[in-house]
Amino acid sequence: MADRYCIYVKATPEAIWEAITRPEWTVQYGYAPLVDYELRPGGTFRAYANEGMKAFGCPEVISDGEVVEVRPPARLVQTWRMTMTAELAAEAFTTVTYELAPVRGGVTRVTVTHDAAGAPLWGSAARGEQEANGAGGGWNEILSGLKTLLETGQPLPFQSGPA
């Protein structure tokens, strides 16, 4: 069950790549985690809880995985597992693929494919199905925050922890 999200951002693929893979950017959009990538096949991925998440009792590492493929600034494939709760940490690793392609006039198409087969709890959260229950807007919220930050220089208000 792979979900696909596509947005267009008035920014270069290089700028978007930086915003996805660098902690100084990721703390400004979505759920504001501090990311740590070893950008090589077999490298580790970790996302660390922000202070608001920690205040709600989230663990230090909120998601982890492994880098599968890295072709800056066009393609990043990684495994991904949420570790915020014991139930999520027990699910299978999922696969996230970022594809960045310039299209015209300084605009880049950003496509995120999330294959959450074997992880039904995370799959529904990623699609934003839990938003009404205060769990956030999943990829829709993350990508909206990324786009807004890169195009305006200002972040959207972000979810700092469970509602």
N, C-alpha and C. Protein backbone atom coordinates (compact mmCIF):
# COMPACT_ATOMS: atom_id res chain seq x y z
N MET A 1 0.83 -1.17 0.00
CA MET A 1 0.00 0.00 0.00
C MET A 1 0.89 1.25 0.00
N ALA A 2 1.29 1.67 -1.16
CA ALA A 2 2.13 2.86 -1.28
C ALA A 2 1.27 4.07 -1.56
N ASP A 3 1.52 5.13 -0.82
CA ASP A 3 0.85 6.40 -1.04
C ASP A 3 1.84 7.34 -1.71
N ARG A 4 1.32 8.16 -2.61
CA ARG A 4 2.18 9.07 -3.36
C ARG A 4 1.65 10.49 -3.20
N TYR A 5 2.59 11.41 -2.94
CA TYR A 5 2.27 12.82 -2.74
C TYR A 5 3.13 13.62 -3.70
N CYS A 6 2.54 14.60 -4.35
CA CYS A 6 3.30 15.41 -5.30
C CYS A 6 2.95 16.88 -5.08
N ILE A 7 3.99 17.70 -4.94
CA ILE A 7 3.81 19.14 -4.81
C ILE A 7 4.80 19.83 -5.73
N TYR A 8 4.55 21.09 -5.99
CA TYR A 8 5.44 21.92 -6.79
C TYR A 8 5.91 23.07 -5.91
N VAL A 9 7.22 23.25 -5.87
CA VAL A 9 7.82 24.24 -4.98
C VAL A 9 8.68 25.18 -5.81
N LYS A 10 8.52 26.48 -5.58
CA LYS A 10 9.36 27.46 -6.27
C LYS A 10 10.69 27.55 -5.52
N ALA A 11 11.54 26.55 -5.82
CA ALA A 11 12.87 26.44 -5.23
C ALA A 11 13.64 25.43 -6.08
N THR A 12 14.95 25.48 -5.98
CA THR A 12 15.78 24.55 -6.73
C THR A 12 15.77 23.17 -6.07
N PRO A 13 16.07 22.13 -6.85
CA PRO A 13 16.21 20.81 -6.24
C PRO A 13 17.27 20.81 -5.12
N GLU A 14 18.34 21.57 -5.30
CA GLU A 14 19.40 21.63 -4.29
C GLU A 14 18.87 22.22 -2.97
N ALA A 15 18.08 23.28 -3.06
CA ALA A 15 17.52 23.89 -1.85
C ALA A 15 16.55 22.93 -1.16
N ILE A 16 15.75 22.23 -1.92
CA ILE A 16 14.79 21.28 -1.35
C ILE A 16 15.54 20.10 -0.73
N TRP A 17 16.57 19.61 -1.40
CA TRP A 17 17.39 18.52 -0.86
C TRP A 17 17.95 18.91 0.52
N GLU A 18 18.48 20.11 0.60
CA GLU A 18 19.01 20.60 1.88
C GLU A 18 17.91 20.64 2.94
N ALA A 19 16.73 21.11 2.55
CA ALA A 19 15.62 21.23 3.52
C ALA A 19 15.14 19.87 4.01
N ILE A 20 15.29 18.83 3.20
CA ILE A 20 14.88 17.48 3.60
C ILE A 20 15.95 16.81 4.46
N THR A 21 17.22 17.06 4.17
CA THR A 21 18.29 16.27 4.79
C THR A 21 19.10 16.98 5.86
N ARG A 22 18.90 18.26 6.06
CA ARG A 22 19.70 19.02 7.03
C ARG A 22 18.88 19.41 8.25
N PRO A 23 19.41 19.15 9.45
CA PRO A 23 18.64 19.43 10.67
C PRO A 23 18.29 20.90 10.85
N GLU A 24 19.14 21.81 10.40
CA GLU A 24 18.83 23.23 10.57
C GLU A 24 17.58 23.63 9.78
N TRP A 25 17.20 22.86 8.79
CA TRP A 25 15.96 23.08 8.04
C TRP A 25 14.80 22.30 8.63
N THR A 26 15.01 21.02 8.94
CA THR A 26 13.88 20.18 9.37
C THR A 26 13.26 20.65 10.68
N VAL A 27 14.01 21.35 11.49
CA VAL A 27 13.44 21.85 12.75
C VAL A 27 12.49 23.03 12.51
N GLN A 28 12.34 23.44 11.25
CA GLN A 28 11.50 24.60 10.94
C GLN A 28 10.17 24.25 10.25
N TYR A 29 9.92 22.97 9.96
CA TYR A 29 8.66 22.63 9.29
C TYR A 29 8.18 21.25 9.72
N GLY A 30 6.93 20.95 9.36
CA GLY A 30 6.34 19.66 9.72
C GLY A 30 6.21 19.56 11.23
N TYR A 31 6.79 18.51 11.78
CA TYR A 31 6.74 18.29 13.23
C TYR A 31 8.03 18.73 13.90
N ALA A 32 8.87 19.40 13.16
CA ALA A 32 10.11 20.02 13.64
C ALA A 32 11.09 19.06 14.29
N PRO A 33 11.32 17.89 13.69
CA PRO A 33 12.34 17.01 14.26
C PRO A 33 13.73 17.42 13.79
N LEU A 34 14.71 17.08 14.57
CA LEU A 34 16.11 17.25 14.18
C LEU A 34 16.52 15.95 13.50
N VAL A 35 16.87 16.02 12.21
CA VAL A 35 17.24 14.79 11.49
C VAL A 35 18.74 14.61 11.47
N ASP A 36 19.14 13.36 11.37
CA ASP A 36 20.55 13.01 11.23
C ASP A 36 20.64 11.91 10.17
N TYR A 37 21.20 12.26 9.04
CA TYR A 37 21.36 11.31 7.93
C TYR A 37 22.84 11.01 7.73
N GLU A 38 23.15 9.76 7.50
CA GLU A 38 24.41 9.36 6.89
C GLU A 38 24.06 9.14 5.43
N LEU A 39 24.34 10.12 4.59
CA LEU A 39 23.87 10.10 3.22
C LEU A 39 24.75 9.23 2.33
N ARG A 40 24.60 7.92 2.54
CA ARG A 40 25.26 6.90 1.74
C ARG A 40 24.42 5.63 1.86
N PRO A 41 24.41 4.78 0.83
CA PRO A 41 23.68 3.52 0.96
C PRO A 41 24.16 2.75 2.19
N GLY A 42 23.22 2.30 2.99
CA GLY A 42 23.54 1.61 4.23
C GLY A 42 23.72 2.54 5.42
N GLY A 43 23.70 3.85 5.18
CA GLY A 43 23.84 4.83 6.25
C GLY A 43 22.60 4.89 7.11
N THR A 44 22.75 5.43 8.30
CA THR A 44 21.63 5.50 9.23
C THR A 44 20.83 6.79 9.04
N PHE A 45 19.59 6.71 9.46
CA PHE A 45 18.70 7.85 9.54
C PHE A 45 18.13 7.86 10.94
N ARG A 46 18.12 9.02 11.57
CA ARG A 46 17.47 9.20 12.87
C ARG A 46 16.76 10.54 12.85
N ALA A 47 15.60 10.59 13.48
CA ALA A 47 14.90 11.85 13.72
C ALA A 47 14.71 11.96 15.22
N TYR A 48 15.10 13.09 15.76
CA TYR A 48 15.07 13.30 17.20
C TYR A 48 13.91 14.21 17.58
N ALA A 49 13.31 13.92 18.72
CA ALA A 49 12.18 14.69 19.21
C ALA A 49 12.59 16.13 19.51
N ASN A 50 11.70 17.06 19.17
CA ASN A 50 11.93 18.45 19.57
C ASN A 50 11.51 18.61 21.04
N GLU A 51 11.74 19.77 21.61
CA GLU A 51 11.45 19.98 23.04
C GLU A 51 9.97 19.80 23.37
N GLY A 52 9.10 20.24 22.47
CA GLY A 52 7.67 20.06 22.69
C GLY A 52 7.28 18.59 22.74
N MET A 53 7.84 17.79 21.85
CA MET A 53 7.57 16.35 21.85
C MET A 53 8.08 15.71 23.14
N LYS A 54 9.27 16.11 23.56
CA LYS A 54 9.84 15.56 24.80
C LYS A 54 8.95 15.90 26.00
N ALA A 55 8.38 17.10 25.99
CA ALA A 55 7.50 17.51 27.09
C ALA A 55 6.26 16.62 27.17
N PHE A 56 5.86 16.04 26.04
CA PHE A 56 4.72 15.13 26.01
C PHE A 56 5.13 13.69 26.25
N GLY A 57 6.41 13.46 26.55
CA GLY A 57 6.87 12.12 26.87
C GLY A 57 7.38 11.31 25.70
N CYS A 58 7.59 11.93 24.55
CA CYS A 58 8.13 11.19 23.41
C CYS A 58 9.57 10.80 23.70
N PRO A 59 10.02 9.68 23.14
CA PRO A 59 11.41 9.28 23.33
C PRO A 59 12.35 10.21 22.57
N GLU A 60 13.62 10.14 22.87
CA GLU A 60 14.63 10.96 22.20
C GLU A 60 14.61 10.74 20.69
N VAL A 61 14.65 9.49 20.26
CA VAL A 61 14.60 9.15 18.83
C VAL A 61 13.15 8.80 18.50
N ILE A 62 12.56 9.59 17.58
CA ILE A 62 11.15 9.36 17.24
C ILE A 62 10.97 8.55 15.97
N SER A 63 12.01 8.45 15.15
CA SER A 63 11.98 7.57 13.99
C SER A 63 13.41 7.24 13.60
N ASP A 64 13.54 6.08 12.95
CA ASP A 64 14.86 5.66 12.50
C ASP A 64 14.73 4.88 11.21
N GLY A 65 15.86 4.56 10.61
CA GLY A 65 15.85 3.80 9.37
C GLY A 65 17.23 3.75 8.78
N GLU A 66 17.26 3.34 7.52
CA GLU A 66 18.51 3.18 6.79
C GLU A 66 18.39 3.81 5.41
N VAL A 67 19.44 4.46 4.99
CA VAL A 67 19.48 5.04 3.64
C VAL A 67 19.71 3.89 2.66
N VAL A 68 18.87 3.81 1.64
CA VAL A 68 18.95 2.76 0.64
C VAL A 68 19.63 3.28 -0.62
N GLU A 69 19.22 4.47 -1.06
CA GLU A 69 19.76 5.07 -2.28
C GLU A 69 19.87 6.56 -2.08
N VAL A 70 20.96 7.14 -2.56
CA VAL A 70 21.15 8.58 -2.43
C VAL A 70 21.77 9.12 -3.71
N ARG A 71 21.03 10.03 -4.38
CA ARG A 71 21.50 10.71 -5.59
C ARG A 71 21.16 12.18 -5.49
N PRO A 72 21.98 12.94 -4.72
CA PRO A 72 21.67 14.37 -4.56
C PRO A 72 21.73 15.10 -5.89
N PRO A 73 20.90 16.05 -6.17
CA PRO A 73 19.72 16.44 -5.40
C PRO A 73 18.43 15.87 -5.98
N ALA A 74 18.48 14.65 -6.53
CA ALA A 74 17.32 14.15 -7.27
C ALA A 74 16.54 13.04 -6.59
N ARG A 75 17.21 12.19 -5.79
CA ARG A 75 16.50 11.01 -5.29
C ARG A 75 17.11 10.53 -3.97
N LEU A 76 16.23 10.27 -3.03
CA LEU A 76 16.62 9.70 -1.74
C LEU A 76 15.61 8.62 -1.40
N VAL A 77 16.12 7.41 -1.15
CA VAL A 77 15.27 6.30 -0.73
C VAL A 77 15.78 5.84 0.63
N GLN A 78 14.85 5.67 1.56
CA GLN A 78 15.24 5.23 2.89
C GLN A 78 14.17 4.35 3.50
N THR A 79 14.58 3.52 4.46
CA THR A 79 13.58 2.84 5.27
C THR A 79 13.24 3.79 6.40
N TRP A 80 12.07 3.55 7.02
CA TRP A 80 11.60 4.47 8.04
C TRP A 80 10.70 3.72 9.00
N ARG A 81 10.96 3.89 10.27
CA ARG A 81 10.12 3.30 11.30
C ARG A 81 9.90 4.35 12.38
N MET A 82 8.65 4.51 12.79
CA MET A 82 8.34 5.41 13.89
C MET A 82 8.60 4.68 15.20
N THR A 83 9.20 5.37 16.16
CA THR A 83 9.51 4.76 17.45
C THR A 83 8.87 5.54 18.60
N MET A 84 7.90 6.37 18.28
CA MET A 84 7.28 7.23 19.30
C MET A 84 6.49 6.44 20.34
N THR A 85 5.96 5.29 19.95
CA THR A 85 5.25 4.43 20.88
C THR A 85 5.72 3.00 20.66
N ALA A 86 5.51 2.15 21.63
CA ALA A 86 5.89 0.74 21.50
C ALA A 86 5.14 0.09 20.34
N GLU A 87 3.88 0.47 20.13
CA GLU A 87 3.08 -0.11 19.04
C GLU A 87 3.66 0.25 17.67
N LEU A 88 4.04 1.52 17.50
CA LEU A 88 4.63 1.94 16.23
C LEU A 88 6.00 1.31 16.03
N ALA A 89 6.81 1.25 17.07
CA ALA A 89 8.16 0.67 16.96
C ALA A 89 8.11 -0.80 16.62
N ALA A 90 7.01 -1.48 16.96
CA ALA A 90 6.88 -2.91 16.68
C ALA A 90 6.50 -3.19 15.23
N GLU A 91 6.04 -2.16 14.51
CA GLU A 91 5.65 -2.37 13.12
C GLU A 91 6.89 -2.52 12.23
N ALA A 92 6.65 -3.02 11.03
CA ALA A 92 7.73 -3.19 10.06
C ALA A 92 8.27 -1.83 9.61
N PHE A 93 9.53 -1.83 9.16
CA PHE A 93 10.07 -0.63 8.55
C PHE A 93 9.29 -0.35 7.27
N THR A 94 9.06 0.93 6.98
CA THR A 94 8.41 1.34 5.75
C THR A 94 9.49 1.91 4.82
N THR A 95 9.12 2.22 3.59
CA THR A 95 10.07 2.80 2.64
C THR A 95 9.55 4.14 2.15
N VAL A 96 10.40 5.14 2.24
CA VAL A 96 10.07 6.48 1.77
C VAL A 96 11.02 6.84 0.63
N THR A 97 10.46 7.31 -0.48
CA THR A 97 11.25 7.75 -1.62
C THR A 97 10.93 9.21 -1.92
N TYR A 98 11.97 10.03 -1.94
CA TYR A 98 11.85 11.43 -2.34
C TYR A 98 12.42 11.55 -3.75
N GLU A 99 11.67 12.17 -4.65
CA GLU A 99 12.16 12.45 -6.00
C GLU A 99 11.97 13.94 -6.27
N LEU A 100 13.05 14.59 -6.69
CA LEU A 100 13.04 16.03 -6.96
C LEU A 100 13.42 16.25 -8.42
N ALA A 101 12.57 16.97 -9.15
CA ALA A 101 12.82 17.20 -10.57
C ALA A 101 12.47 18.63 -10.94
N PRO A 102 13.44 19.37 -11.50
CA PRO A 102 13.10 20.73 -11.97
C PRO A 102 12.10 20.62 -13.12
N VAL A 103 11.11 21.54 -13.12
CA VAL A 103 10.12 21.49 -14.19
C VAL A 103 10.11 22.74 -15.06
N ARG A 104 10.20 23.92 -14.48
CA ARG A 104 10.21 25.16 -15.28
C ARG A 104 10.34 26.36 -14.35
N GLY A 105 11.00 27.39 -14.82
CA GLY A 105 11.03 28.67 -14.14
C GLY A 105 11.40 28.63 -12.67
N GLY A 106 12.34 27.80 -12.27
CA GLY A 106 12.74 27.74 -10.88
C GLY A 106 11.80 26.93 -10.00
N VAL A 107 10.91 26.16 -10.62
CA VAL A 107 9.96 25.32 -9.88
C VAL A 107 10.45 23.87 -9.94
N THR A 108 10.32 23.19 -8.81
CA THR A 108 10.71 21.78 -8.71
C THR A 108 9.51 20.95 -8.30
N ARG A 109 9.34 19.82 -8.99
CA ARG A 109 8.30 18.86 -8.59
C ARG A 109 8.91 17.96 -7.50
N VAL A 110 8.23 17.88 -6.37
CA VAL A 110 8.64 17.02 -5.25
C VAL A 110 7.62 15.90 -5.16
N THR A 111 8.09 14.67 -5.34
CA THR A 111 7.22 13.51 -5.22
C THR A 111 7.73 12.66 -4.07
N VAL A 112 6.84 12.36 -3.14
CA VAL A 112 7.16 11.49 -2.02
C VAL A 112 6.27 10.26 -2.14
N THR A 113 6.90 9.10 -2.18
CA THR A 113 6.17 7.83 -2.19
C THR A 113 6.49 7.12 -0.89
N HIS A 114 5.44 6.77 -0.15
CA HIS A 114 5.61 6.10 1.14
C HIS A 114 4.93 4.75 1.06
N ASP A 115 5.74 3.70 1.05
CA ASP A 115 5.23 2.33 1.05
C ASP A 115 5.19 1.86 2.50
N ALA A 116 4.00 1.85 3.07
CA ALA A 116 3.84 1.50 4.48
C ALA A 116 3.26 0.10 4.64
N ALA A 117 3.49 -0.77 3.66
CA ALA A 117 3.02 -2.16 3.77
C ALA A 117 3.61 -2.77 5.04
N GLY A 118 2.78 -3.45 5.79
CA GLY A 118 3.22 -4.08 7.02
C GLY A 118 3.23 -3.15 8.22
N ALA A 119 2.83 -1.90 8.02
CA ALA A 119 2.81 -0.93 9.12
C ALA A 119 1.49 -0.17 9.09
N PRO A 120 0.38 -0.82 9.40
CA PRO A 120 -0.93 -0.17 9.27
C PRO A 120 -1.12 1.04 10.17
N LEU A 121 -0.57 1.04 11.37
CA LEU A 121 -0.71 2.21 12.24
C LEU A 121 0.01 3.41 11.64
N TRP A 122 1.26 3.22 11.24
CA TRP A 122 2.01 4.32 10.65
C TRP A 122 1.41 4.73 9.33
N GLY A 123 0.95 3.78 8.52
CA GLY A 123 0.36 4.12 7.23
C GLY A 123 -0.81 5.07 7.36
N SER A 124 -1.69 4.85 8.32
CA SER A 124 -2.84 5.74 8.49
C SER A 124 -2.40 7.10 9.01
N ALA A 125 -1.39 7.14 9.88
CA ALA A 125 -0.88 8.42 10.39
C ALA A 125 -0.21 9.21 9.28
N ALA A 126 0.56 8.54 8.42
CA ALA A 126 1.25 9.21 7.32
C ALA A 126 0.28 9.86 6.36
N ARG A 127 -0.87 9.23 6.17
CA ARG A 127 -1.89 9.79 5.27
C ARG A 127 -2.69 10.89 5.94
N GLY A 128 -2.46 11.13 7.22
CA GLY A 128 -3.19 12.18 7.91
C GLY A 128 -4.56 11.75 8.38
N GLU A 129 -4.82 10.44 8.39
CA GLU A 129 -6.13 9.95 8.80
C GLU A 129 -6.38 10.17 10.28
N GLN A 130 -5.35 10.38 11.05
CA GLN A 130 -5.51 10.57 12.48
C GLN A 130 -5.63 12.05 12.85
N GLU A 131 -5.62 12.95 11.88
CA GLU A 131 -5.61 14.39 12.15
C GLU A 131 -6.75 14.81 13.08
N ALA A 132 -7.92 14.25 12.89
CA ALA A 132 -9.05 14.64 13.72
C ALA A 132 -8.83 14.26 15.18
N ASN A 133 -7.97 13.28 15.41
CA ASN A 133 -7.67 12.85 16.78
C ASN A 133 -6.45 13.55 17.35
N GLY A 134 -5.97 14.59 16.70
CA GLY A 134 -4.84 15.35 17.21
C GLY A 134 -3.48 14.78 16.87
N ALA A 135 -3.43 13.82 15.94
CA ALA A 135 -2.16 13.19 15.62
C ALA A 135 -1.43 13.89 14.48
N GLY A 136 -1.96 14.96 13.96
CA GLY A 136 -1.28 15.69 12.91
C GLY A 136 -1.78 15.33 11.52
N GLY A 137 -1.23 16.01 10.54
CA GLY A 137 -1.69 15.86 9.17
C GLY A 137 -0.80 15.04 8.27
N GLY A 138 0.13 14.27 8.83
CA GLY A 138 0.95 13.37 8.04
C GLY A 138 1.75 14.07 6.96
N TRP A 139 1.93 13.37 5.83
CA TRP A 139 2.73 13.93 4.74
C TRP A 139 2.14 15.23 4.20
N ASN A 140 0.82 15.36 4.20
CA ASN A 140 0.22 16.60 3.70
C ASN A 140 0.72 17.79 4.52
N GLU A 141 0.76 17.63 5.84
CA GLU A 141 1.22 18.72 6.70
C GLU A 141 2.73 18.95 6.54
N ILE A 142 3.49 17.89 6.48
CA ILE A 142 4.95 18.02 6.34
C ILE A 142 5.30 18.73 5.03
N LEU A 143 4.72 18.28 3.93
CA LEU A 143 5.04 18.87 2.63
C LEU A 143 4.52 20.30 2.50
N SER A 144 3.39 20.59 3.10
CA SER A 144 2.90 21.98 3.10
C SER A 144 3.86 22.87 3.86
N GLY A 145 4.36 22.39 4.98
CA GLY A 145 5.33 23.16 5.75
C GLY A 145 6.63 23.39 5.00
N LEU A 146 7.11 22.35 4.32
CA LEU A 146 8.32 22.46 3.51
C LEU A 146 8.15 23.52 2.42
N LYS A 147 7.05 23.43 1.69
CA LYS A 147 6.78 24.37 0.60
C LYS A 147 6.68 25.81 1.12
N THR A 148 5.92 26.00 2.17
CA THR A 148 5.74 27.35 2.73
C THR A 148 7.07 27.93 3.19
N LEU A 149 7.86 27.14 3.90
CA LEU A 149 9.15 27.62 4.40
C LEU A 149 10.07 28.03 3.25
N LEU A 150 10.18 27.19 2.25
CA LEU A 150 11.09 27.50 1.15
C LEU A 150 10.60 28.67 0.30
N GLU A 151 9.31 28.82 0.12
CA GLU A 151 8.79 29.88 -0.74
C GLU A 151 8.65 31.22 -0.03
N THR A 152 8.43 31.20 1.28
CA THR A 152 8.20 32.47 1.99
C THR A 152 9.29 32.81 3.00
N GLY A 153 10.07 31.80 3.39
CA GLY A 153 11.07 32.01 4.44
C GLY A 153 10.48 31.96 5.84
N GLN A 154 9.17 31.71 5.92
CA GLN A 154 8.48 31.66 7.21
C GLN A 154 7.86 30.28 7.40
N PRO A 155 8.02 29.70 8.58
CA PRO A 155 7.41 28.38 8.81
C PRO A 155 5.93 28.50 9.12
N LEU A 156 5.20 27.43 8.80
CA LEU A 156 3.83 27.28 9.30
C LEU A 156 3.94 26.93 10.79
N PRO A 157 2.91 27.23 11.58
CA PRO A 157 2.93 26.71 12.94
C PRO A 157 2.98 25.19 12.85
N PHE A 158 3.81 24.55 13.65
CA PHE A 158 3.95 23.10 13.56
C PHE A 158 3.52 22.41 14.82
N GLN A 159 3.27 21.13 14.65
CA GLN A 159 2.85 20.27 15.77
C GLN A 159 4.09 19.96 16.59
N SER A 160 4.11 20.33 17.85
CA SER A 160 5.30 20.09 18.68
C SER A 160 5.20 18.79 19.47
N GLY A 161 4.05 18.20 19.52
CA GLY A 161 3.88 16.96 20.25
C GLY A 161 2.44 16.52 20.17
N PRO A 162 2.10 15.40 20.78
CA PRO A 162 0.72 14.92 20.72
C PRO A 162 -0.25 15.94 21.30
N ALA A 163 -1.40 16.05 20.68
CA ALA A 163 -2.41 17.02 21.16
C ALA A 163 -3.14 16.50 22.35
